[in-house]
mmCIF file of all heavy atoms, coordinates in Angstrom:
data_MODEL
# 
_entry.id   MODEL 
# 
loop_
_atom_site.group_PDB 
_atom_site.id 
_atom_site.type_symbol 
_atom_site.label_atom_id 
_atom_site.label_alt_id 
_atom_site.label_comp_id 
_atom_site.label_asym_id 
_atom_site.label_entity_id 
_atom_site.label_seq_id 
_atom_site.pdbx_PDB_ins_code 
_atom_site.Cartn_x 
_atom_site.Cartn_y 
_atom_site.Cartn_z 
_atom_site.occupancy 
_atom_site.B_iso_or_equiv 
_atom_site.pdbx_formal_charge 
_atom_site.auth_seq_id 
_atom_site.auth_comp_id 
_atom_site.auth_asym_id 
_atom_site.auth_atom_id 
_atom_site.pdbx_PDB_model_num 
ATOM 1   N N   . VAL A 1 1  ? 37.614 15.092  20.258 1.00 0.00 ? 1  VAL A N   1 
ATOM 2   C CA  . VAL A 1 1  ? 36.854 16.320  20.477 1.00 0.00 ? 1  VAL A CA  1 
ATOM 3   C C   . VAL A 1 1  ? 35.754 16.461  19.421 1.00 0.00 ? 1  VAL A C   1 
ATOM 4   O O   . VAL A 1 1  ? 34.649 16.910  19.726 1.00 0.00 ? 1  VAL A O   1 
ATOM 5   C CB  . VAL A 1 1  ? 37.802 17.548  20.474 1.00 0.00 ? 1  VAL A CB  1 
ATOM 6   C CG1 . VAL A 1 1  ? 37.028 18.860  20.425 1.00 0.00 ? 1  VAL A CG1 1 
ATOM 7   C CG2 . VAL A 1 1  ? 38.718 17.499  21.696 1.00 0.00 ? 1  VAL A CG2 1 
ATOM 8   N N   . GLN A 1 2  ? 36.037 16.048  18.200 1.00 0.00 ? 2  GLN A N   1 
ATOM 9   C CA  . GLN A 1 2  ? 35.053 16.120  17.115 1.00 0.00 ? 2  GLN A CA  1 
ATOM 10  C C   . GLN A 1 2  ? 33.798 15.319  17.462 1.00 0.00 ? 2  GLN A C   1 
ATOM 11  O O   . GLN A 1 2  ? 32.687 15.721  17.124 1.00 0.00 ? 2  GLN A O   1 
ATOM 12  C CB  . GLN A 1 2  ? 35.697 15.578  15.840 1.00 0.00 ? 2  GLN A CB  1 
ATOM 13  C CG  . GLN A 1 2  ? 34.872 15.654  14.617 1.00 0.00 ? 2  GLN A CG  1 
ATOM 14  C CD  . GLN A 1 2  ? 35.620 15.083  13.408 1.00 0.00 ? 2  GLN A CD  1 
ATOM 15  O OE1 . GLN A 1 2  ? 36.808 14.781  13.449 1.00 0.00 ? 2  GLN A OE1 1 
ATOM 16  N NE2 . GLN A 1 2  ? 34.905 14.909  12.327 1.00 0.00 ? 2  GLN A NE2 1 
ATOM 17  N N   . VAL A 1 3  ? 33.954 14.201  18.149 1.00 0.00 ? 3  VAL A N   1 
ATOM 18  C CA  . VAL A 1 3  ? 32.814 13.343  18.483 1.00 0.00 ? 3  VAL A CA  1 
ATOM 19  C C   . VAL A 1 3  ? 32.184 13.732  19.824 1.00 0.00 ? 3  VAL A C   1 
ATOM 20  O O   . VAL A 1 3  ? 30.964 13.814  19.937 1.00 0.00 ? 3  VAL A O   1 
ATOM 21  C CB  . VAL A 1 3  ? 33.230 11.853  18.492 1.00 0.00 ? 3  VAL A CB  1 
ATOM 22  C CG1 . VAL A 1 3  ? 32.077 10.968  18.959 1.00 0.00 ? 3  VAL A CG1 1 
ATOM 23  C CG2 . VAL A 1 3  ? 33.704 11.431  17.101 1.00 0.00 ? 3  VAL A CG2 1 
ATOM 24  N N   . TYR A 1 4  ? 33.003 13.997  20.841 1.00 0.00 ? 4  TYR A N   1 
ATOM 25  C CA  . TYR A 1 4  ? 32.489 14.199  22.199 1.00 0.00 ? 4  TYR A CA  1 
ATOM 26  C C   . TYR A 1 4  ? 32.466 15.650  22.669 1.00 0.00 ? 4  TYR A C   1 
ATOM 27  O O   . TYR A 1 4  ? 31.949 15.936  23.741 1.00 0.00 ? 4  TYR A O   1 
ATOM 28  C CB  . TYR A 1 4  ? 33.302 13.366  23.199 1.00 0.00 ? 4  TYR A CB  1 
ATOM 29  C CG  . TYR A 1 4  ? 33.064 11.894  23.034 1.00 0.00 ? 4  TYR A CG  1 
ATOM 30  C CD1 . TYR A 1 4  ? 34.065 11.072  22.557 1.00 0.00 ? 4  TYR A CD1 1 
ATOM 31  C CD2 . TYR A 1 4  ? 31.828 11.325  23.331 1.00 0.00 ? 4  TYR A CD2 1 
ATOM 32  C CE1 . TYR A 1 4  ? 33.853 9.708   22.387 1.00 0.00 ? 4  TYR A CE1 1 
ATOM 33  C CE2 . TYR A 1 4  ? 31.602 9.973   23.168 1.00 0.00 ? 4  TYR A CE2 1 
ATOM 34  C CZ  . TYR A 1 4  ? 32.624 9.169   22.699 1.00 0.00 ? 4  TYR A CZ  1 
ATOM 35  O OH  . TYR A 1 4  ? 32.401 7.828   22.530 1.00 0.00 ? 4  TYR A OH  1 
ATOM 36  N N   . GLY A 1 5  ? 33.032 16.547  21.895 1.00 0.00 ? 5  GLY A N   1 
ATOM 37  C CA  . GLY A 1 5  ? 33.047 17.943  22.305 1.00 0.00 ? 5  GLY A CA  1 
ATOM 38  C C   . GLY A 1 5  ? 34.312 18.303  23.065 1.00 0.00 ? 5  GLY A C   1 
ATOM 39  O O   . GLY A 1 5  ? 35.140 17.457  23.413 1.00 0.00 ? 5  GLY A O   1 
ATOM 40  N N   . GLU A 1 6  ? 34.433 19.576  23.331 1.00 0.00 ? 6  GLU A N   1 
ATOM 41  C CA  . GLU A 1 6  ? 35.646 20.143  23.923 1.00 0.00 ? 6  GLU A CA  1 
ATOM 42  C C   . GLU A 1 6  ? 35.989 19.527  25.283 1.00 0.00 ? 6  GLU A C   1 
ATOM 43  O O   . GLU A 1 6  ? 37.160 19.432  25.654 1.00 0.00 ? 6  GLU A O   1 
ATOM 44  C CB  . GLU A 1 6  ? 35.484 21.658  24.040 1.00 0.00 ? 6  GLU A CB  1 
ATOM 45  C CG  . GLU A 1 6  ? 36.746 22.410  24.348 1.00 0.00 ? 6  GLU A CG  1 
ATOM 46  C CD  . GLU A 1 6  ? 37.849 22.216  23.315 1.00 0.00 ? 6  GLU A CD  1 
ATOM 47  O OE1 . GLU A 1 6  ? 37.561 22.208  22.101 1.00 0.00 ? 6  GLU A OE1 1 
ATOM 48  O OE2 . GLU A 1 6  ? 39.017 22.087  23.733 1.00 0.00 ? 6  GLU A OE2 1 
ATOM 49  N N   . ARG A 1 7  ? 34.994 19.078  26.028 1.00 0.00 ? 7  ARG A N   1 
ATOM 50  C CA  . ARG A 1 7  ? 35.259 18.513  27.361 1.00 0.00 ? 7  ARG A CA  1 
ATOM 51  C C   . ARG A 1 7  ? 36.186 17.298  27.298 1.00 0.00 ? 7  ARG A C   1 
ATOM 52  O O   . ARG A 1 7  ? 36.847 16.961  28.267 1.00 0.00 ? 7  ARG A O   1 
ATOM 53  C CB  . ARG A 1 7  ? 33.956 18.163  28.061 1.00 0.00 ? 7  ARG A CB  1 
ATOM 54  C CG  . ARG A 1 7  ? 33.217 16.984  27.433 1.00 0.00 ? 7  ARG A CG  1 
ATOM 55  C CD  . ARG A 1 7  ? 31.860 16.737  28.098 1.00 0.00 ? 7  ARG A CD  1 
ATOM 56  N NE  . ARG A 1 7  ? 31.202 15.577  27.574 1.00 0.00 ? 7  ARG A NE  1 
ATOM 57  C CZ  . ARG A 1 7  ? 30.548 15.515  26.422 1.00 0.00 ? 7  ARG A CZ  1 
ATOM 58  N NH1 . ARG A 1 7  ? 30.463 16.576  25.661 1.00 0.00 ? 7  ARG A NH1 1 
ATOM 59  N NH2 . ARG A 1 7  ? 29.968 14.406  26.019 1.00 0.00 ? 7  ARG A NH2 1 
ATOM 60  N N   . ALA A 1 8  ? 36.245 16.629  26.146 1.00 0.00 ? 8  ALA A N   1 
ATOM 61  C CA  . ALA A 1 8  ? 37.069 15.418  26.014 1.00 0.00 ? 8  ALA A CA  1 
ATOM 62  C C   . ALA A 1 8  ? 38.559 15.733  25.869 1.00 0.00 ? 8  ALA A C   1 
ATOM 63  O O   . ALA A 1 8  ? 39.398 14.874  26.140 1.00 0.00 ? 8  ALA A O   1 
ATOM 64  C CB  . ALA A 1 8  ? 36.601 14.605  24.807 1.00 0.00 ? 8  ALA A CB  1 
ATOM 65  N N   . ARG A 1 9  ? 38.905 16.951  25.478 1.00 0.00 ? 9  ARG A N   1 
ATOM 66  C CA  . ARG A 1 9  ? 40.299 17.294  25.201 1.00 0.00 ? 9  ARG A CA  1 
ATOM 67  C C   . ARG A 1 9  ? 41.209 17.017  26.399 1.00 0.00 ? 9  ARG A C   1 
ATOM 68  O O   . ARG A 1 9  ? 42.254 16.388  26.279 1.00 0.00 ? 9  ARG A O   1 
ATOM 69  C CB  . ARG A 1 9  ? 40.419 18.752  24.786 1.00 0.00 ? 9  ARG A CB  1 
ATOM 70  C CG  . ARG A 1 9  ? 41.849 19.160  24.428 1.00 0.00 ? 9  ARG A CG  1 
ATOM 71  C CD  . ARG A 1 9  ? 41.949 20.625  24.017 1.00 0.00 ? 9  ARG A CD  1 
ATOM 72  N NE  . ARG A 1 9  ? 41.031 20.987  22.960 1.00 0.00 ? 9  ARG A NE  1 
ATOM 73  C CZ  . ARG A 1 9  ? 41.207 20.708  21.668 1.00 0.00 ? 9  ARG A CZ  1 
ATOM 74  N NH1 . ARG A 1 9  ? 42.304 20.076  21.276 1.00 0.00 ? 9  ARG A NH1 1 
ATOM 75  N NH2 . ARG A 1 9  ? 40.309 21.070  20.772 1.00 0.00 ? 9  ARG A NH2 1 
ATOM 76  N N   . ALA A 1 10 ? 40.847 17.509  27.553 1.00 0.00 ? 10 ALA A N   1 
ATOM 77  C CA  . ALA A 1 10 ? 41.702 17.392  28.737 1.00 0.00 ? 10 ALA A CA  1 
ATOM 78  C C   . ALA A 1 10 ? 41.860 15.947  29.221 1.00 0.00 ? 10 ALA A C   1 
ATOM 79  O O   . ALA A 1 10 ? 42.803 15.638  29.941 1.00 0.00 ? 10 ALA A O   1 
ATOM 80  C CB  . ALA A 1 10 ? 41.154 18.263  29.870 1.00 0.00 ? 10 ALA A CB  1 
ATOM 81  N N   . MET A 1 11 ? 40.961 15.079  28.805 1.00 0.00 ? 11 MET A N   1 
ATOM 82  C CA  . MET A 1 11 ? 41.019 13.689  29.257 1.00 0.00 ? 11 MET A CA  1 
ATOM 83  C C   . MET A 1 11 ? 41.765 12.767  28.302 1.00 0.00 ? 11 MET A C   1 
ATOM 84  O O   . MET A 1 11 ? 42.096 11.641  28.653 1.00 0.00 ? 11 MET A O   1 
ATOM 85  C CB  . MET A 1 11 ? 39.590 13.150  29.437 1.00 0.00 ? 11 MET A CB  1 
ATOM 86  C CG  . MET A 1 11 ? 38.808 13.857  30.510 1.00 0.00 ? 11 MET A CG  1 
ATOM 87  S SD  . MET A 1 11 ? 37.166 13.132  30.717 1.00 0.00 ? 11 MET A SD  1 
ATOM 88  C CE  . MET A 1 11 ? 36.313 13.773  29.293 1.00 0.00 ? 11 MET A CE  1 
ATOM 89  N N   . ALA A 1 12 ? 42.033 13.211  27.088 1.00 0.00 ? 12 ALA A N   1 
ATOM 90  C CA  . ALA A 1 12 ? 42.624 12.345  26.058 1.00 0.00 ? 12 ALA A CA  1 
ATOM 91  C C   . ALA A 1 12 ? 44.073 11.997  26.391 1.00 0.00 ? 12 ALA A C   1 
ATOM 92  O O   . ALA A 1 12 ? 44.885 12.873  26.673 1.00 0.00 ? 12 ALA A O   1 
ATOM 93  C CB  . ALA A 1 12 ? 42.559 13.029  24.703 1.00 0.00 ? 12 ALA A CB  1 
ATOM 94  N N   . VAL A 1 13 ? 44.371 10.713  26.346 1.00 0.00 ? 13 VAL A N   1 
ATOM 95  C CA  . VAL A 1 13 ? 45.733 10.210  26.533 1.00 0.00 ? 13 VAL A CA  1 
ATOM 96  C C   . VAL A 1 13 ? 46.118 9.490   25.241 1.00 0.00 ? 13 VAL A C   1 
ATOM 97  O O   . VAL A 1 13 ? 45.333 8.698   24.712 1.00 0.00 ? 13 VAL A O   1 
ATOM 98  C CB  . VAL A 1 13 ? 45.804 9.219   27.716 1.00 0.00 ? 13 VAL A CB  1 
ATOM 99  C CG1 . VAL A 1 13 ? 47.180 8.582   27.820 1.00 0.00 ? 13 VAL A CG1 1 
ATOM 100 C CG2 . VAL A 1 13 ? 45.418 9.900   29.018 1.00 0.00 ? 13 VAL A CG2 1 
ATOM 101 N N   . VAL A 1 14 ? 47.309 9.775   24.719 1.00 0.00 ? 14 VAL A N   1 
ATOM 102 C CA  . VAL A 1 14 ? 47.794 9.136   23.488 1.00 0.00 ? 14 VAL A CA  1 
ATOM 103 C C   . VAL A 1 14 ? 49.172 8.548   23.757 1.00 0.00 ? 14 VAL A C   1 
ATOM 104 O O   . VAL A 1 14 ? 50.069 9.258   24.199 1.00 0.00 ? 14 VAL A O   1 
ATOM 105 C CB  . VAL A 1 14 ? 47.882 10.143  22.315 1.00 0.00 ? 14 VAL A CB  1 
ATOM 106 C CG1 . VAL A 1 14 ? 48.396 9.453   21.057 1.00 0.00 ? 14 VAL A CG1 1 
ATOM 107 C CG2 . VAL A 1 14 ? 46.533 10.805  22.056 1.00 0.00 ? 14 VAL A CG2 1 
ATOM 108 N N   . GLU A 1 15 ? 49.322 7.270   23.513 1.00 0.00 ? 15 GLU A N   1 
ATOM 109 C CA  . GLU A 1 15 ? 50.614 6.589   23.587 1.00 0.00 ? 15 GLU A CA  1 
ATOM 110 C C   . GLU A 1 15 ? 50.954 6.073   22.201 1.00 0.00 ? 15 GLU A C   1 
ATOM 111 O O   . GLU A 1 15 ? 50.105 5.479   21.542 1.00 0.00 ? 15 GLU A O   1 
ATOM 112 C CB  . GLU A 1 15 ? 50.562 5.385   24.526 1.00 0.00 ? 15 GLU A CB  1 
ATOM 113 C CG  . GLU A 1 15 ? 50.457 5.714   25.983 1.00 0.00 ? 15 GLU A CG  1 
ATOM 114 C CD  . GLU A 1 15 ? 50.495 4.442   26.804 1.00 0.00 ? 15 GLU A CD  1 
ATOM 115 O OE1 . GLU A 1 15 ? 49.526 3.664   26.713 1.00 0.00 ? 15 GLU A OE1 1 
ATOM 116 O OE2 . GLU A 1 15 ? 51.495 4.220   27.496 1.00 0.00 ? 15 GLU A OE2 1 
ATOM 117 N N   . ILE A 1 16 ? 52.191 6.287   21.787 1.00 0.00 ? 16 ILE A N   1 
ATOM 118 C CA  . ILE A 1 16 ? 52.627 5.845   20.463 1.00 0.00 ? 16 ILE A CA  1 
ATOM 119 C C   . ILE A 1 16 ? 53.742 4.827   20.638 1.00 0.00 ? 16 ILE A C   1 
ATOM 120 O O   . ILE A 1 16 ? 54.733 5.103   21.327 1.00 0.00 ? 16 ILE A O   1 
ATOM 121 C CB  . ILE A 1 16 ? 53.125 7.039   19.621 1.00 0.00 ? 16 ILE A CB  1 
ATOM 122 C CG1 . ILE A 1 16 ? 51.994 8.065   19.471 1.00 0.00 ? 16 ILE A CG1 1 
ATOM 123 C CG2 . ILE A 1 16 ? 53.636 6.568   18.271 1.00 0.00 ? 16 ILE A CG2 1 
ATOM 124 C CD1 . ILE A 1 16 ? 52.431 9.387   18.893 1.00 0.00 ? 16 ILE A CD1 1 
ATOM 125 N N   . PHE A 1 17 ? 53.560 3.672   20.032 1.00 0.00 ? 17 PHE A N   1 
ATOM 126 C CA  . PHE A 1 17 ? 54.538 2.591   20.105 1.00 0.00 ? 17 PHE A CA  1 
ATOM 127 C C   . PHE A 1 17 ? 55.101 2.342   18.714 1.00 0.00 ? 17 PHE A C   1 
ATOM 128 O O   . PHE A 1 17 ? 54.343 2.044   17.791 1.00 0.00 ? 17 PHE A O   1 
ATOM 129 C CB  . PHE A 1 17 ? 53.898 1.298   20.633 1.00 0.00 ? 17 PHE A CB  1 
ATOM 130 C CG  . PHE A 1 17 ? 53.306 1.440   22.002 1.00 0.00 ? 17 PHE A CG  1 
ATOM 131 C CD1 . PHE A 1 17 ? 51.969 1.763   22.172 1.00 0.00 ? 17 PHE A CD1 1 
ATOM 132 C CD2 . PHE A 1 17 ? 54.091 1.272   23.128 1.00 0.00 ? 17 PHE A CD2 1 
ATOM 133 C CE1 . PHE A 1 17 ? 51.420 1.912   23.429 1.00 0.00 ? 17 PHE A CE1 1 
ATOM 134 C CE2 . PHE A 1 17 ? 53.558 1.416   24.404 1.00 0.00 ? 17 PHE A CE2 1 
ATOM 135 C CZ  . PHE A 1 17 ? 52.218 1.734   24.556 1.00 0.00 ? 17 PHE A CZ  1 
ATOM 136 N N   . GLY A 1 18 ? 56.401 2.460   18.574 1.00 0.00 ? 18 GLY A N   1 
ATOM 137 C CA  . GLY A 1 18 ? 57.050 2.152   17.313 1.00 0.00 ? 18 GLY A CA  1 
ATOM 138 C C   . GLY A 1 18 ? 57.477 0.697   17.287 1.00 0.00 ? 18 GLY A C   1 
ATOM 139 O O   . GLY A 1 18 ? 58.138 0.222   18.209 1.00 0.00 ? 18 GLY A O   1 
ATOM 140 N N   . VAL A 1 19 ? 57.075 -0.012  16.255 1.00 0.00 ? 19 VAL A N   1 
ATOM 141 C CA  . VAL A 1 19 ? 57.426 -1.426  16.098 1.00 0.00 ? 19 VAL A CA  1 
ATOM 142 C C   . VAL A 1 19 ? 58.316 -1.544  14.859 1.00 0.00 ? 19 VAL A C   1 
ATOM 143 O O   . VAL A 1 19 ? 57.902 -1.140  13.762 1.00 0.00 ? 19 VAL A O   1 
ATOM 144 C CB  . VAL A 1 19 ? 56.160 -2.295  15.917 1.00 0.00 ? 19 VAL A CB  1 
ATOM 145 C CG1 . VAL A 1 19 ? 56.531 -3.758  15.757 1.00 0.00 ? 19 VAL A CG1 1 
ATOM 146 C CG2 . VAL A 1 19 ? 55.201 -2.102  17.088 1.00 0.00 ? 19 VAL A CG2 1 
ATOM 147 N N   . PRO A 1 20 ? 59.538 -2.066  15.026 1.00 0.00 ? 20 PRO A N   1 
ATOM 148 C CA  . PRO A 1 20 ? 60.390 -2.235  13.851 1.00 0.00 ? 20 PRO A CA  1 
ATOM 149 C C   . PRO A 1 20 ? 59.687 -3.071  12.783 1.00 0.00 ? 20 PRO A C   1 
ATOM 150 O O   . PRO A 1 20 ? 58.999 -4.051  13.081 1.00 0.00 ? 20 PRO A O   1 
ATOM 151 C CB  . PRO A 1 20 ? 61.619 -2.955  14.393 1.00 0.00 ? 20 PRO A CB  1 
ATOM 152 C CG  . PRO A 1 20 ? 61.654 -2.597  15.853 1.00 0.00 ? 20 PRO A CG  1 
ATOM 153 C CD  . PRO A 1 20 ? 60.203 -2.505  16.257 1.00 0.00 ? 20 PRO A CD  1 
ATOM 154 N N   . ARG A 1 21 ? 59.844 -2.680  11.540 1.00 0.00 ? 21 ARG A N   1 
ATOM 155 C CA  . ARG A 1 21 ? 59.155 -3.320  10.416 1.00 0.00 ? 21 ARG A CA  1 
ATOM 156 C C   . ARG A 1 21 ? 59.324 -4.840  10.431 1.00 0.00 ? 21 ARG A C   1 
ATOM 157 O O   . ARG A 1 21 ? 58.384 -5.581  10.172 1.00 0.00 ? 21 ARG A O   1 
ATOM 158 C CB  . ARG A 1 21 ? 59.679 -2.736  9.101  1.00 0.00 ? 21 ARG A CB  1 
ATOM 159 C CG  . ARG A 1 21 ? 58.844 -3.101  7.897  1.00 0.00 ? 21 ARG A CG  1 
ATOM 160 C CD  . ARG A 1 21 ? 59.299 -2.376  6.643  1.00 0.00 ? 21 ARG A CD  1 
ATOM 161 N NE  . ARG A 1 21 ? 59.144 -0.933  6.722  1.00 0.00 ? 21 ARG A NE  1 
ATOM 162 C CZ  . ARG A 1 21 ? 58.017 -0.273  6.418  1.00 0.00 ? 21 ARG A CZ  1 
ATOM 163 N NH1 . ARG A 1 21 ? 56.962 -0.937  6.008  1.00 0.00 ? 21 ARG A NH1 1 
ATOM 164 N NH2 . ARG A 1 21 ? 57.956 1.030   6.508  1.00 0.00 ? 21 ARG A NH2 1 
ATOM 165 N N   . GLN A 1 22 ? 60.521 -5.325  10.747 1.00 0.00 ? 22 GLN A N   1 
ATOM 166 C CA  . GLN A 1 22 ? 60.762 -6.777  10.732 1.00 0.00 ? 22 GLN A CA  1 
ATOM 167 C C   . GLN A 1 22 ? 60.061 -7.498  11.883 1.00 0.00 ? 22 GLN A C   1 
ATOM 168 O O   . GLN A 1 22 ? 60.002 -8.719  11.898 1.00 0.00 ? 22 GLN A O   1 
ATOM 169 C CB  . GLN A 1 22 ? 62.270 -7.080  10.729 1.00 0.00 ? 22 GLN A CB  1 
ATOM 170 C CG  . GLN A 1 22 ? 62.985 -6.770  12.022 1.00 0.00 ? 22 GLN A CG  1 
ATOM 171 C CD  . GLN A 1 22 ? 63.476 -5.326  12.129 1.00 0.00 ? 22 GLN A CD  1 
ATOM 172 O OE1 . GLN A 1 22 ? 63.082 -4.464  11.360 1.00 0.00 ? 22 GLN A OE1 1 
ATOM 173 N NE2 . GLN A 1 22 ? 64.338 -5.067  13.096 1.00 0.00 ? 22 GLN A NE2 1 
ATOM 174 N N   . ARG A 1 23 ? 59.496 -6.757  12.825 1.00 0.00 ? 23 ARG A N   1 
ATOM 175 C CA  . ARG A 1 23 ? 58.747 -7.367  13.938 1.00 0.00 ? 23 ARG A CA  1 
ATOM 176 C C   . ARG A 1 23 ? 57.246 -7.224  13.762 1.00 0.00 ? 23 ARG A C   1 
ATOM 177 O O   . ARG A 1 23 ? 56.484 -7.415  14.710 1.00 0.00 ? 23 ARG A O   1 
ATOM 178 C CB  . ARG A 1 23 ? 59.170 -6.725  15.256 1.00 0.00 ? 23 ARG A CB  1 
ATOM 179 C CG  . ARG A 1 23 ? 60.594 -7.039  15.619 1.00 0.00 ? 23 ARG A CG  1 
ATOM 180 C CD  . ARG A 1 23 ? 60.901 -6.532  16.983 1.00 0.00 ? 23 ARG A CD  1 
ATOM 181 N NE  . ARG A 1 23 ? 62.332 -6.599  17.235 1.00 0.00 ? 23 ARG A NE  1 
ATOM 182 C CZ  . ARG A 1 23 ? 62.931 -5.963  18.200 1.00 0.00 ? 23 ARG A CZ  1 
ATOM 183 N NH1 . ARG A 1 23 ? 62.237 -5.197  19.016 1.00 0.00 ? 23 ARG A NH1 1 
ATOM 184 N NH2 . ARG A 1 23 ? 64.222 -6.068  18.356 1.00 0.00 ? 23 ARG A NH2 1 
ATOM 185 N N   . TRP A 1 24 ? 56.793 -6.883  12.580 1.00 0.00 ? 24 TRP A N   1 
ATOM 186 C CA  . TRP A 1 24 ? 55.372 -6.671  12.292 1.00 0.00 ? 24 TRP A CA  1 
ATOM 187 C C   . TRP A 1 24 ? 55.032 -7.547  11.105 1.00 0.00 ? 24 TRP A C   1 
ATOM 188 O O   . TRP A 1 24 ? 55.558 -7.351  10.015 1.00 0.00 ? 24 TRP A O   1 
ATOM 189 C CB  . TRP A 1 24 ? 55.161 -5.208  11.942 1.00 0.00 ? 24 TRP A CB  1 
ATOM 190 C CG  . TRP A 1 24 ? 53.734 -4.750  11.849 1.00 0.00 ? 24 TRP A CG  1 
ATOM 191 C CD1 . TRP A 1 24 ? 52.714 -5.334  11.172 1.00 0.00 ? 24 TRP A CD1 1 
ATOM 192 C CD2 . TRP A 1 24 ? 53.193 -3.572  12.432 1.00 0.00 ? 24 TRP A CD2 1 
ATOM 193 N NE1 . TRP A 1 24 ? 51.574 -4.604  11.291 1.00 0.00 ? 24 TRP A NE1 1 
ATOM 194 C CE2 . TRP A 1 24 ? 51.839 -3.496  12.067 1.00 0.00 ? 24 TRP A CE2 1 
ATOM 195 C CE3 . TRP A 1 24 ? 53.724 -2.550  13.220 1.00 0.00 ? 24 TRP A CE3 1 
ATOM 196 C CZ2 . TRP A 1 24 ? 51.008 -2.463  12.462 1.00 0.00 ? 24 TRP A CZ2 1 
ATOM 197 C CZ3 . TRP A 1 24 ? 52.892 -1.529  13.616 1.00 0.00 ? 24 TRP A CZ3 1 
ATOM 198 C CH2 . TRP A 1 24 ? 51.545 -1.489  13.245 1.00 0.00 ? 24 TRP A CH2 1 
ATOM 199 N N   . GLY A 1 25 ? 54.177 -8.515  11.310 1.00 0.00 ? 25 GLY A N   1 
ATOM 200 C CA  . GLY A 1 25 ? 53.841 -9.431  10.233 1.00 0.00 ? 25 GLY A CA  1 
ATOM 201 C C   . GLY A 1 25 ? 52.372 -9.416  9.880  1.00 0.00 ? 25 GLY A C   1 
ATOM 202 O O   . GLY A 1 25 ? 51.519 -9.193  10.729 1.00 0.00 ? 25 GLY A O   1 
ATOM 203 N N   . VAL A 1 26 ? 52.101 -9.664  8.613  1.00 0.00 ? 26 VAL A N   1 
ATOM 204 C CA  . VAL A 1 26 ? 50.731 -9.786  8.111  1.00 0.00 ? 26 VAL A CA  1 
ATOM 205 C C   . VAL A 1 26 ? 50.704 -10.983 7.176  1.00 0.00 ? 26 VAL A C   1 
ATOM 206 O O   . VAL A 1 26 ? 51.559 -11.100 6.292  1.00 0.00 ? 26 VAL A O   1 
ATOM 207 C CB  . VAL A 1 26 ? 50.287 -8.513  7.357  1.00 0.00 ? 26 VAL A CB  1 
ATOM 208 C CG1 . VAL A 1 26 ? 48.895 -8.703  6.763  1.00 0.00 ? 26 VAL A CG1 1 
ATOM 209 C CG2 . VAL A 1 26 ? 50.321 -7.300  8.274  1.00 0.00 ? 26 VAL A CG2 1 
ATOM 210 N N   . GLY A 1 27 ? 49.766 -11.889 7.378  1.00 0.00 ? 27 GLY A N   1 
ATOM 211 C CA  . GLY A 1 27 ? 49.629 -13.041 6.501  1.00 0.00 ? 27 GLY A CA  1 
ATOM 212 C C   . GLY A 1 27 ? 50.818 -13.985 6.539  1.00 0.00 ? 27 GLY A C   1 
ATOM 213 O O   . GLY A 1 27 ? 51.115 -14.651 5.559  1.00 0.00 ? 27 GLY A O   1 
ATOM 214 N N   . GLY A 1 28 ? 51.513 -14.019 7.680  1.00 0.00 ? 28 GLY A N   1 
ATOM 215 C CA  . GLY A 1 28 ? 52.636 -14.941 7.825  1.00 0.00 ? 28 GLY A CA  1 
ATOM 216 C C   . GLY A 1 28 ? 53.964 -14.423 7.304  1.00 0.00 ? 28 GLY A C   1 
ATOM 217 O O   . GLY A 1 28 ? 54.946 -15.165 7.253  1.00 0.00 ? 28 GLY A O   1 
ATOM 218 N N   . ALA A 1 29 ? 54.005 -13.141 6.924  1.00 0.00 ? 29 ALA A N   1 
ATOM 219 C CA  . ALA A 1 29 ? 55.249 -12.562 6.399  1.00 0.00 ? 29 ALA A CA  1 
ATOM 220 C C   . ALA A 1 29 ? 55.427 -11.158 6.975  1.00 0.00 ? 29 ALA A C   1 
ATOM 221 O O   . ALA A 1 29 ? 54.445 -10.505 7.341  1.00 0.00 ? 29 ALA A O   1 
ATOM 222 C CB  . ALA A 1 29 ? 55.188 -12.483 4.871  1.00 0.00 ? 29 ALA A CB  1 
ATOM 223 N N   . PRO A 1 30 ? 56.674 -10.693 7.043  1.00 0.00 ? 30 PRO A N   1 
ATOM 224 C CA  . PRO A 1 30 ? 56.876 -9.315  7.499  1.00 0.00 ? 30 PRO A CA  1 
ATOM 225 C C   . PRO A 1 30 ? 56.057 -8.350  6.645  1.00 0.00 ? 30 PRO A C   1 
ATOM 226 O O   . PRO A 1 30 ? 55.932 -8.529  5.430  1.00 0.00 ? 30 PRO A O   1 
ATOM 227 C CB  . PRO A 1 30 ? 58.377 -9.085  7.305  1.00 0.00 ? 30 PRO A CB  1 
ATOM 228 C CG  . PRO A 1 30 ? 58.972 -10.463 7.391  1.00 0.00 ? 30 PRO A CG  1 
ATOM 229 C CD  . PRO A 1 30 ? 57.941 -11.371 6.761  1.00 0.00 ? 30 PRO A CD  1 
# 
């Protein structure tokens, strides 16, 4: 809404995915 204005509010969809820490790696390590 801050960028596109109030008209964007009703269209916004948010999905949140939780990934267990041991299944998330950076640089070849958890």
